[in-house]
Protein backbone atom coordinates (compact mmCIF):
# COMPACT_ATOMS: atom_id res chain seq x y z
CA MET A 1 39.79 -56.57 -23.71
CA SER A 2 43.18 -54.92 -23.22
CA THR A 3 44.10 -53.80 -19.42
CA MET A 4 44.39 -50.58 -20.95
CA SER A 5 40.68 -50.75 -22.37
CA LYS A 6 39.41 -52.19 -18.95
CA ARG A 7 40.68 -49.28 -17.55
CA ILE A 8 39.75 -46.84 -19.71
CA LEU A 9 36.07 -48.66 -19.24
CA ALA A 10 36.28 -48.35 -15.16
CA PHE A 11 37.15 -44.87 -15.43
CA LEU A 12 34.07 -43.75 -17.53
CA LEU A 13 32.03 -45.73 -15.55
CA LEU A 14 33.23 -43.88 -12.16
CA ILE A 15 32.69 -40.69 -13.62
CA ILE A 16 29.09 -41.40 -14.78
CA VAL A 17 28.40 -42.24 -11.14
CA ILE A 18 29.70 -39.52 -9.52
CA ALA A 19 29.22 -37.30 -11.75
CA PRO A 20 25.86 -35.80 -10.20
CA LEU A 21 27.82 -36.36 -7.05
CA LEU A 22 30.27 -33.05 -8.05
CA ALA A 23 28.07 -31.49 -9.71
CA GLY A 24 25.11 -31.52 -7.56
CA CYS A 25 22.36 -33.07 -9.92
CA MET A 26 21.57 -32.88 -14.11
CA GLY A 27 18.59 -31.12 -15.14
CA GLU A 28 16.03 -32.45 -17.46
CA ASN A 29 17.78 -31.18 -20.26
CA GLY A 30 20.89 -33.27 -19.42
CA LEU A 31 22.81 -30.16 -17.88
CA ASP A 32 24.36 -29.63 -14.84
CA ASN A 33 21.89 -27.50 -12.55
CA ASN A 34 23.47 -25.17 -10.74
CA VAL A 35 21.92 -24.71 -7.17
CA PRO A 36 20.23 -21.35 -6.29
CA MET A 37 21.09 -18.48 -3.40
CA VAL A 38 18.79 -16.91 -1.05
CA LYS A 39 19.70 -13.80 1.30
CA ILE A 40 17.93 -12.70 4.27
CA LEU A 41 18.08 -8.76 3.82
CA TYR A 42 15.44 -7.43 6.45
CA PRO A 43 15.84 -7.55 9.54
CA ARG A 44 19.63 -7.51 9.74
CA GLY A 45 21.04 -9.89 12.54
CA ARG A 46 20.73 -9.55 15.64
CA ALA A 47 17.67 -6.48 15.29
CA ALA A 48 15.51 -5.92 18.36
CA ALA A 49 11.70 -6.15 17.09
CA SER A 50 8.38 -6.16 17.78
CA GLY A 51 5.00 -6.36 16.82
CA ILE A 52 4.58 -7.73 13.04
CA VAL A 53 8.18 -8.24 11.70
CA MET A 54 8.70 -8.49 8.11
CA ILE A 55 11.18 -10.90 7.02
CA SER A 56 12.09 -10.01 3.67
CA GLY A 57 15.14 -11.05 1.22
CA MET A 58 15.89 -12.19 -2.19
CA ALA A 59 16.83 -15.10 -4.24
CA SER A 60 18.19 -15.75 -7.68
CA ASP A 61 19.23 -18.65 -9.91
CA LYS A 62 21.69 -19.03 -12.27
CA ASP A 63 20.14 -21.08 -14.28
CA GLY A 64 17.30 -17.98 -14.55
CA ASN A 65 15.34 -16.91 -12.11
CA GLU A 66 12.21 -18.49 -13.42
CA THR A 67 12.93 -21.62 -12.33
CA LEU A 68 12.77 -20.79 -8.62
CA VAL A 69 9.93 -22.94 -7.57
CA ASN A 70 9.59 -21.15 -3.99
CA VAL A 71 11.06 -19.81 -1.07
CA GLU A 72 10.97 -21.49 2.57
CA ILE A 73 11.53 -20.39 5.94
CA LYS A 74 11.46 -21.59 9.48
CA ILE A 75 11.66 -20.13 12.90
CA ASP A 76 14.04 -22.01 15.23
CA GLU A 77 13.20 -25.17 15.50
CA GLY A 78 9.94 -25.23 13.70
CA GLU A 79 8.91 -26.83 10.33
CA TRP A 80 9.98 -24.71 7.20
CA PHE A 81 7.39 -23.14 5.12
CA THR A 82 6.34 -21.56 2.25
CA VAL A 83 6.79 -17.53 1.68
CA ASP A 84 5.46 -15.07 -0.68
CA GLY A 85 7.55 -14.47 -3.40
CA THR A 86 11.00 -15.41 -5.27
CA THR A 87 13.17 -13.67 -6.58
CA ASN A 88 11.80 -10.61 -3.63
CA TRP A 89 10.18 -12.39 -1.02
CA SER A 90 8.45 -11.90 2.47
CA TYR A 91 6.99 -12.84 5.62
CA ASP A 92 4.90 -11.29 8.49
CA TRP A 93 5.87 -12.84 11.72
CA LYS A 94 3.37 -11.56 14.26
CA THR A 95 5.12 -11.49 17.62
CA TYR A 96 2.33 -9.83 19.63
CA ASP A 97 2.52 -13.65 21.80
CA ILE A 98 5.35 -14.47 21.30
CA GLU A 99 7.95 -14.63 24.49
CA ASP A 100 10.81 -12.25 24.68
CA GLY A 101 14.06 -13.75 23.86
CA SER A 102 16.44 -14.35 21.02
CA TYR A 103 15.20 -16.56 17.54
CA SER A 104 17.12 -17.81 14.92
CA VAL A 105 15.67 -17.60 11.32
CA TYR A 106 16.21 -19.52 8.35
CA ALA A 107 15.67 -19.55 4.77
CA ARG A 108 16.28 -21.53 1.67
CA ALA A 109 15.34 -21.36 -1.88
CA TRP A 110 14.43 -24.45 -4.21
CA ASP A 111 14.40 -24.56 -7.72
CA GLY A 112 12.51 -27.89 -8.23
CA THR A 113 15.76 -29.77 -8.08
CA SER A 114 17.84 -28.37 -5.28
CA TYR A 115 17.83 -26.50 -2.26
CA SER A 116 20.04 -23.58 -1.74
CA ASN A 117 22.49 -23.01 1.20
CA ILE A 118 20.53 -22.04 4.26
CA ASP A 119 20.95 -18.60 4.98
CA GLU A 120 20.56 -18.05 9.00
CA ILE A 121 19.70 -14.75 11.22
CA THR A 122 19.13 -13.48 14.70
CA ILE A 123 16.32 -11.73 16.00
CA LEU A 124 15.88 -10.36 19.32
CA VAL A 125 12.12 -10.02 20.05
CA ASN A 126 11.04 -7.51 22.70
CA ASN A 127 7.49 -6.34 23.10
CA PRO A 128 8.06 -4.35 26.00
CA ASP A 129 5.46 -3.46 29.02
CA ILE A 130 6.73 -0.14 29.72
CA ARG A 131 5.57 2.55 27.31
CA ASP A 132 7.40 5.90 26.20
CA SER A 133 4.33 7.60 27.29
CA ASP A 134 2.03 7.13 30.13
CA ALA A 135 -1.38 7.97 27.76
CA HIS A 136 -3.37 5.05 27.42
CA LYS A 137 -3.63 5.41 23.59
CA TRP A 138 -3.50 3.02 20.56
CA ALA A 139 -4.14 3.69 16.82
CA VAL A 140 -4.27 1.24 13.79
CA PHE A 141 -4.33 2.41 10.18
CA VAL A 142 -4.71 -0.30 7.55
CA ALA A 143 -4.75 0.45 4.08
CA ALA A 144 -4.72 -1.81 0.59
CA ALA A 145 -4.19 0.52 -2.11
CA ASN A 146 -2.00 -1.32 -4.91
CA TYR A 147 -2.86 -4.95 -5.26
CA PRO A 148 -5.32 -4.40 -8.05
CA GLU A 149 -3.57 -5.70 -11.38
CA LYS A 150 -4.87 -3.49 -13.37
CA ASN A 151 -3.26 0.12 -13.20
CA GLU A 152 -6.18 2.42 -13.43
CA SER A 153 -7.54 0.68 -9.89
CA LYS A 154 -4.86 0.90 -7.86
CA LEU A 155 -4.80 3.95 -5.45
CA GLY A 156 -1.25 5.00 -5.32
CA ASN A 157 0.90 5.50 -1.72
CA GLY A 158 -1.19 8.48 -1.16
CA GLY A 159 -3.31 6.14 1.50
CA LEU A 160 0.26 5.84 3.26
CA TYR A 161 1.63 9.02 3.28
CA LEU A 162 -1.90 10.41 5.26
CA ALA A 163 -1.52 7.92 7.55
CA GLU A 164 2.03 8.86 8.34
CA ASN A 165 0.49 12.12 8.17
CA ILE A 166 -2.07 11.55 11.04
CA THR A 167 -0.07 9.09 13.02
CA SER A 168 2.61 12.21 13.49
CA TYR A 169 -0.29 14.51 14.69
CA LEU A 170 -1.70 11.89 17.30
CA ILE A 171 2.15 11.48 18.51
CA GLY A 172 2.84 15.06 18.71
CA ASN A 173 -0.26 16.57 19.43
CA CYS A 174 -2.39 14.07 21.14
CA GLY A 175 0.36 12.24 23.05
CA TYR A 176 -0.29 8.67 21.43
CA PRO A 177 2.52 6.61 22.30
CA THR A 178 4.81 6.03 19.35
CA SER A 179 4.93 2.25 20.39
CA ASN A 180 0.95 2.03 20.38
CA ILE A 181 0.83 2.83 16.44
CA ILE A 182 0.82 0.70 14.08
CA ILE A 183 0.43 1.01 10.52
CA LEU A 184 -1.02 -1.69 7.88
CA PHE A 185 -0.14 -1.13 4.06
CA ASP A 186 -0.16 -3.15 1.02
CA ASP A 187 2.00 -6.14 1.74
CA GLY A 188 4.31 -4.32 3.28
CA TRP A 189 6.30 -2.79 0.80
CA ILE A 190 6.71 0.31 -0.84
CA ARG A 191 6.86 0.50 -4.74
CA LYS A 192 8.15 2.92 -6.92
CA ASP A 193 6.19 5.09 -9.21
CA ASN A 194 3.46 5.74 -6.38
CA GLY A 195 3.01 2.53 -6.25
CA TYR A 196 2.34 1.26 -9.74
CA GLY A 197 6.15 0.20 -10.20
CA THR A 198 7.67 -2.74 -8.40
CA LYS A 199 8.80 -3.44 -4.94
CA ILE A 200 11.95 -1.30 -3.95
CA GLN A 201 11.81 -1.45 0.00
CA PRO A 202 10.22 -3.08 2.74
CA LEU A 203 8.26 -0.44 5.24
CA GLN A 204 9.59 -1.62 8.18
CA GLU A 205 12.97 0.04 6.63
CA ARG A 206 10.99 3.53 6.16
CA ILE A 207 12.34 6.13 7.85
CA HIS A 208 9.88 8.48 9.71
CA LYS A 209 9.98 10.75 12.07
CA TYR A 210 9.00 8.48 15.11
CA ASP A 211 9.83 4.79 15.44
CA ILE A 212 6.04 3.41 14.45
CA MET A 213 5.58 -0.38 13.71
CA TYR A 214 4.55 -1.01 9.86
CA GLY A 215 2.99 -4.41 8.51
CA GLY A 216 1.13 -5.38 5.91
CA ALA A 217 -2.70 -4.87 5.16
CA THR A 218 -3.57 -8.67 4.89
CA LYS A 219 -6.84 -9.99 6.54
CA GLU A 220 -4.81 -12.08 9.29
CA ASN A 221 -2.68 -9.31 10.35
CA THR A 222 -5.65 -6.96 10.82
CA GLU A 223 -7.25 -9.12 12.83
CA ALA A 224 -4.48 -10.18 14.50
CA THR A 225 -3.67 -6.22 15.38
CA ILE A 226 -6.92 -5.52 16.21
CA LYS A 227 -7.19 -8.25 18.77
CA TYR A 228 -3.69 -7.26 20.04
CA ILE A 229 -5.02 -3.85 20.53
CA ILE A 230 -8.04 -4.90 22.21
CA ASP A 231 -6.15 -7.18 24.62
CA GLN A 232 -3.97 -3.94 25.76
CA SER A 233 -6.58 -1.13 25.82
CA ASN A 234 -8.96 -3.38 27.60
CA GLN A 235 -6.42 -3.42 30.59
CA TYR A 236 -7.01 0.33 31.24
CA ASP A 237 -10.60 1.82 32.20
CA ASP A 238 -9.27 5.45 30.71
CA SER A 239 -7.95 3.98 27.11
CA GLU A 240 -8.67 5.57 23.98
CA VAL A 241 -8.47 4.03 20.46
CA PHE A 242 -7.93 5.41 17.19
CA MET A 243 -9.08 3.13 14.05
CA TRP A 244 -8.68 4.18 10.48
CA PHE A 245 -9.21 2.06 7.15
CA PHE A 246 -9.00 2.87 3.57
CA GLY A 247 -9.06 0.77 0.15
CA HIS A 248 -11.67 -0.12 -2.24
CA GLY A 249 -15.51 -0.61 -1.25
CA TYR A 250 -17.29 -3.62 -2.05
CA GLY A 251 -20.23 -2.53 -4.77
CA ASN A 252 -21.58 -2.20 -8.06
CA GLN A 253 -20.81 1.08 -10.37
CA ASP A 254 -23.30 0.31 -12.64
CA ASN A 255 -26.18 0.58 -10.02
CA PRO A 256 -25.92 4.63 -9.81
CA ILE A 257 -29.12 3.96 -7.50
CA ALA A 258 -27.63 2.18 -4.47
CA GLY A 259 -24.61 0.31 -5.61
CA GLY A 260 -26.31 -2.76 -5.13
CA LYS A 261 -26.20 -2.43 -1.73
CA ILE A 262 -29.64 -2.29 -0.59
CA LEU A 263 -29.89 -5.49 0.69
CA GLU A 264 -26.04 -6.36 1.01
CA LYS A 265 -23.56 -5.44 3.93
CA SER A 266 -20.74 -2.99 3.70
CA ALA A 267 -16.95 -4.27 2.94
CA PHE A 268 -13.19 -3.20 2.40
CA PHE A 269 -11.00 -5.30 0.58
CA LEU A 270 -7.49 -6.23 2.34
CA TRP A 271 -4.41 -7.01 0.34
CA ASP A 272 -4.73 -10.52 0.12
CA ASN A 273 -8.30 -9.60 -2.04
CA THR A 274 -10.07 -10.45 0.85
CA VAL A 275 -12.92 -8.39 2.41
CA ILE A 276 -14.54 -7.40 6.47
CA THR A 277 -18.23 -7.29 6.25
CA ASP A 278 -19.09 -4.70 8.35
CA SER A 279 -20.78 -7.52 10.38
CA GLU A 280 -17.35 -8.92 10.35
CA PHE A 281 -15.48 -5.87 11.75
CA GLY A 282 -18.58 -5.49 14.37
CA GLU A 283 -17.53 -9.16 15.53
CA LEU A 284 -13.77 -8.35 15.83
CA LEU A 285 -14.88 -5.37 18.14
CA SER A 286 -17.23 -6.99 20.01
CA GLY A 287 -14.86 -7.38 23.07
CA LEU A 288 -13.57 -3.91 23.05
CA SER A 289 -14.68 -1.98 25.91
CA SER A 290 -12.75 1.44 25.47
CA LYS A 291 -15.18 4.39 25.93
CA LYS A 292 -13.40 6.52 23.91
CA THR A 293 -12.80 5.07 20.54
CA CYS A 294 -12.71 6.61 16.88
CA ILE A 295 -13.18 4.54 13.56
CA ILE A 296 -12.51 6.07 9.99
CA VAL A 297 -13.39 3.70 7.34
CA ASP A 298 -12.69 5.61 4.24
CA ALA A 299 -13.88 3.30 0.93
CA CYS A 300 -16.82 3.48 -1.44
CA TYR A 301 -20.17 2.09 -0.14
CA SER A 302 -18.97 2.01 3.07
CA GLY A 303 -22.05 4.01 4.91
CA GLY A 304 -23.18 0.04 6.22
CA PHE A 305 -20.14 0.33 8.53
CA ALA A 306 -21.71 3.32 10.55
CA ASP A 307 -25.21 1.62 10.11
CA LYS A 308 -26.23 4.19 7.91
CA THR A 309 -27.65 4.06 3.85
CA ILE A 310 -27.93 7.58 3.31
CA LEU A 311 -29.42 11.39 3.97
CA ASN A 312 -28.42 9.74 7.93
CA LEU A 313 -30.87 7.19 7.34
CA PRO A 314 -30.08 3.69 9.16
CA THR A 315 -29.68 0.52 7.73
CA PHE A 316 -32.36 -2.11 8.05
CA PHE A 317 -32.04 -3.16 11.28
CA LEU A 318 -31.54 -7.08 10.22
CA LEU A 319 -28.06 -5.50 8.52
CA HIS A 320 -27.09 -3.57 11.77
CA SER A 321 -22.94 -4.45 12.03
CA ASN A 322 -22.94 -3.89 15.23
CA ILE A 323 -20.15 -1.65 15.55
CA PRO A 324 -21.86 1.75 16.93
CA LYS A 325 -21.69 1.22 20.55
CA PRO A 326 -22.08 3.91 23.34
CA GLY A 327 -18.24 5.62 23.57
CA ARG A 328 -18.19 5.28 20.19
CA ILE A 329 -17.66 7.54 17.01
CA VAL A 330 -18.05 6.38 13.47
CA MET A 331 -17.53 7.68 10.69
CA THR A 332 -17.20 6.62 6.49
CA GLY A 333 -15.99 8.38 3.80
CA ALA A 334 -19.48 7.66 1.74
CA SER A 335 -22.97 6.33 2.00
CA LYS A 336 -23.44 3.14 1.90
CA PHE A 337 -25.20 3.63 -1.54
CA ARG A 338 -21.99 5.64 -2.82
CA VAL A 339 -18.88 5.89 -4.42
CA GLY A 340 -15.55 7.72 -2.55
CA TYR A 341 -13.16 9.30 -4.27
CA ALA A 342 -9.25 9.79 -3.33
CA SER A 343 -5.80 11.30 -4.61
CA THR A 344 -3.19 8.38 -5.62
CA THR A 345 -0.70 11.02 -4.10
CA GLN A 346 -2.34 12.21 -1.15
CA GLY A 347 -4.87 9.79 -0.05
CA PRO A 348 -9.04 9.37 0.02
CA LEU A 349 -11.05 12.65 -0.02
CA PHE A 350 -12.78 12.63 2.87
CA THR A 351 -10.07 12.16 5.53
CA LEU A 352 -8.14 14.66 3.91
CA LEU A 353 -11.02 17.16 4.22
CA TRP A 354 -11.45 15.72 7.93
CA PHE A 355 -7.91 15.90 9.41
CA ASP A 356 -7.84 19.27 7.50
CA GLY A 357 -10.43 20.91 9.44
CA LEU A 358 -9.40 19.18 12.74
CA THR A 359 -5.18 20.38 12.21
CA THR A 360 -5.93 23.76 10.90
CA GLY A 361 -8.78 24.38 13.50
CA ASN A 362 -11.02 25.35 10.77
CA ALA A 363 -13.76 23.16 11.57
CA ASP A 364 -14.31 25.02 15.24
CA GLY A 365 -17.89 25.02 15.65
CA PHE A 366 -19.49 23.33 13.20
CA ARG A 367 -22.41 21.75 13.64
CA PRO A 368 -24.84 18.63 12.32
CA GLY A 369 -27.38 20.89 10.34
CA ILE A 370 -29.93 19.05 8.65
CA SER A 371 -29.80 14.99 8.07
CA LYS A 372 -26.14 15.95 9.43
CA ILE A 373 -25.08 17.62 6.67
CA GLY A 374 -22.81 20.16 8.29
CA ARG A 375 -22.91 23.73 8.65
CA LYS A 376 -20.93 26.75 9.90
CA THR A 377 -21.78 27.52 13.56
CA LEU A 378 -23.82 30.86 13.92
CA LEU A 379 -23.40 31.33 17.43
CA ARG A 380 -19.83 32.12 18.98
CA PHE A 381 -20.63 30.19 22.12
CA PHE A 382 -19.90 27.18 19.99
CA LYS A 383 -16.45 28.06 19.17
CA ASP A 384 -13.93 27.26 22.02
CA ASP A 385 -10.77 27.34 19.82
CA LYS A 386 -10.32 23.35 19.79
CA VAL A 387 -11.70 20.80 17.18
CA SER A 388 -13.32 17.83 18.16
CA VAL A 389 -13.81 14.94 15.68
CA GLU A 390 -17.77 15.44 15.25
CA GLU A 391 -17.12 18.76 14.11
CA ALA A 392 -14.21 17.76 11.65
CA PHE A 393 -16.80 15.73 10.34
CA TYR A 394 -19.41 18.42 9.74
CA TYR A 395 -16.76 20.43 8.20
CA ALA A 396 -15.73 17.63 5.82
CA ARG A 397 -19.30 17.30 4.83
CA TYR A 398 -20.02 21.05 4.53
CA MET A 399 -16.94 21.38 2.10
CA LEU A 400 -18.15 18.59 -0.14
CA ARG A 401 -21.46 20.50 -0.32
CA THR A 402 -20.63 23.92 -0.64
CA SER A 403 -17.06 23.91 -2.37
CA LYS A 404 -16.59 24.33 -6.13
CA VAL A 405 -13.77 23.14 -6.11
CA PHE A 406 -15.54 19.52 -4.91
CA ASP A 407 -18.38 19.81 -6.97
CA ASP A 408 -17.44 16.15 -8.71
CA TYR A 409 -17.79 14.77 -5.53
CA GLN A 410 -20.81 16.13 -3.74
CA LYS A 411 -22.33 12.61 -4.29
CA MET A 412 -19.91 10.75 -1.42
CA GLU A 413 -22.16 12.08 1.27
CA PRO A 414 -20.17 10.35 4.01
CA GLN A 415 -22.25 9.22 7.08
CA ILE A 416 -21.17 9.22 10.63
CA ASN A 417 -22.91 7.48 13.89
CA ASP A 418 -21.83 9.50 16.88
CA GLN A 419 -22.29 7.66 20.27
CA TYR A 420 -20.07 9.67 22.64
CA PRO A 421 -20.24 9.95 25.19
CA ASN A 422 -23.40 7.93 25.33
CA ARG A 423 -26.21 7.10 22.64
CA GLY A 424 -28.95 9.62 22.45
CA VAL A 425 -29.16 12.91 20.72
CA ILE A 426 -29.32 14.72 24.04
CA ARG A 427 -26.37 11.89 25.66
CA SER A 428 -24.07 12.25 22.56
CA LEU A 429 -23.55 16.42 22.73
CA GLY A 430 -19.85 16.29 24.18
CA GLY A 431 -17.47 16.58 21.82
CA MET A 432 -14.70 14.11 21.08
CA PHE A 433 -11.12 15.36 21.36
CA LEU A 434 -8.21 13.55 20.47
């Protein structure tokens, strides 16, 4: 072989050996594999954060986004772990128990062959002990509305809008500290087309009149948030807690008599297709010592959360949830045996009527009536120009029962278990005012 031929052969061999090093890697089809790209979009660098922090971003691949396998992040010197999503991805970082300070967050994408370059931001965690109000009041709103694959099962963004409206009322009219209110909705993203479309914005980038905390309505977030509120509120003898839950309830609509719930627990779905039963919820609240707690569960077949079935009748004692206790008022948007209804743009019907009665004053003086179905007062004595949460409940029940507008929804039969300030008919006569 000539010297020239040997040189050509050596050059070709060298190209074959080092080509993968120059191009990254060779794909299975023999073509060069392009390295994917990842970017952290939220929060922005050196942003201050507290509570639940959604870390979100995007990833792409020149070889086609379908080649993306996963996105991983790590925090400081921790381990890499996979987050939800690829082209649009997110992770809820719960900082309740994290020491205040500066933390580095890293992200990388993987296409099955190559990792992307690492993107990095710094987050300043600051969970303040000093509140923006001296009031010892906490509120949490949890709504999982748009997770079903079938659009006809989605509940829209109305639940989010209603939660924000109640939040504004609690802050502006009831003295709730802005930093003590948390809204958990869907997976922490707003979707276009009223929830029926694709992700367009993390909730934590959403502009609200007040600087409240947002997060995703997953079971992990819900349990962590409830635990946080219990830990915080238990530090004060005069603490007040408001909890609101909205979503799909668990039952059988093909069973028109009792929804299949006679010997079953009430339950509602969260975003990650998990459920919380009434007894699980009761266990979560077992450590709550607040003597002024209002709980609303607005979902189908939800009466069991108030230990009620229908017509104000109690559930079988072996099925008690242990949620109702002295100092608590528990309301549900439907009986244990009936479905509830919601507007996809305004939220669940019972809460809408309850909130209307509370904020307009229209519920002033409303009384329980037979089986607590609600009635107007016959005596001026019962009107005091302010509305308790119980009066707002009886107003909502009355409107569902008497207004022609709601003829199709009379069978919802919302339920209440009123043990404020204490258990018993006489001892619970004092109204709860938020």
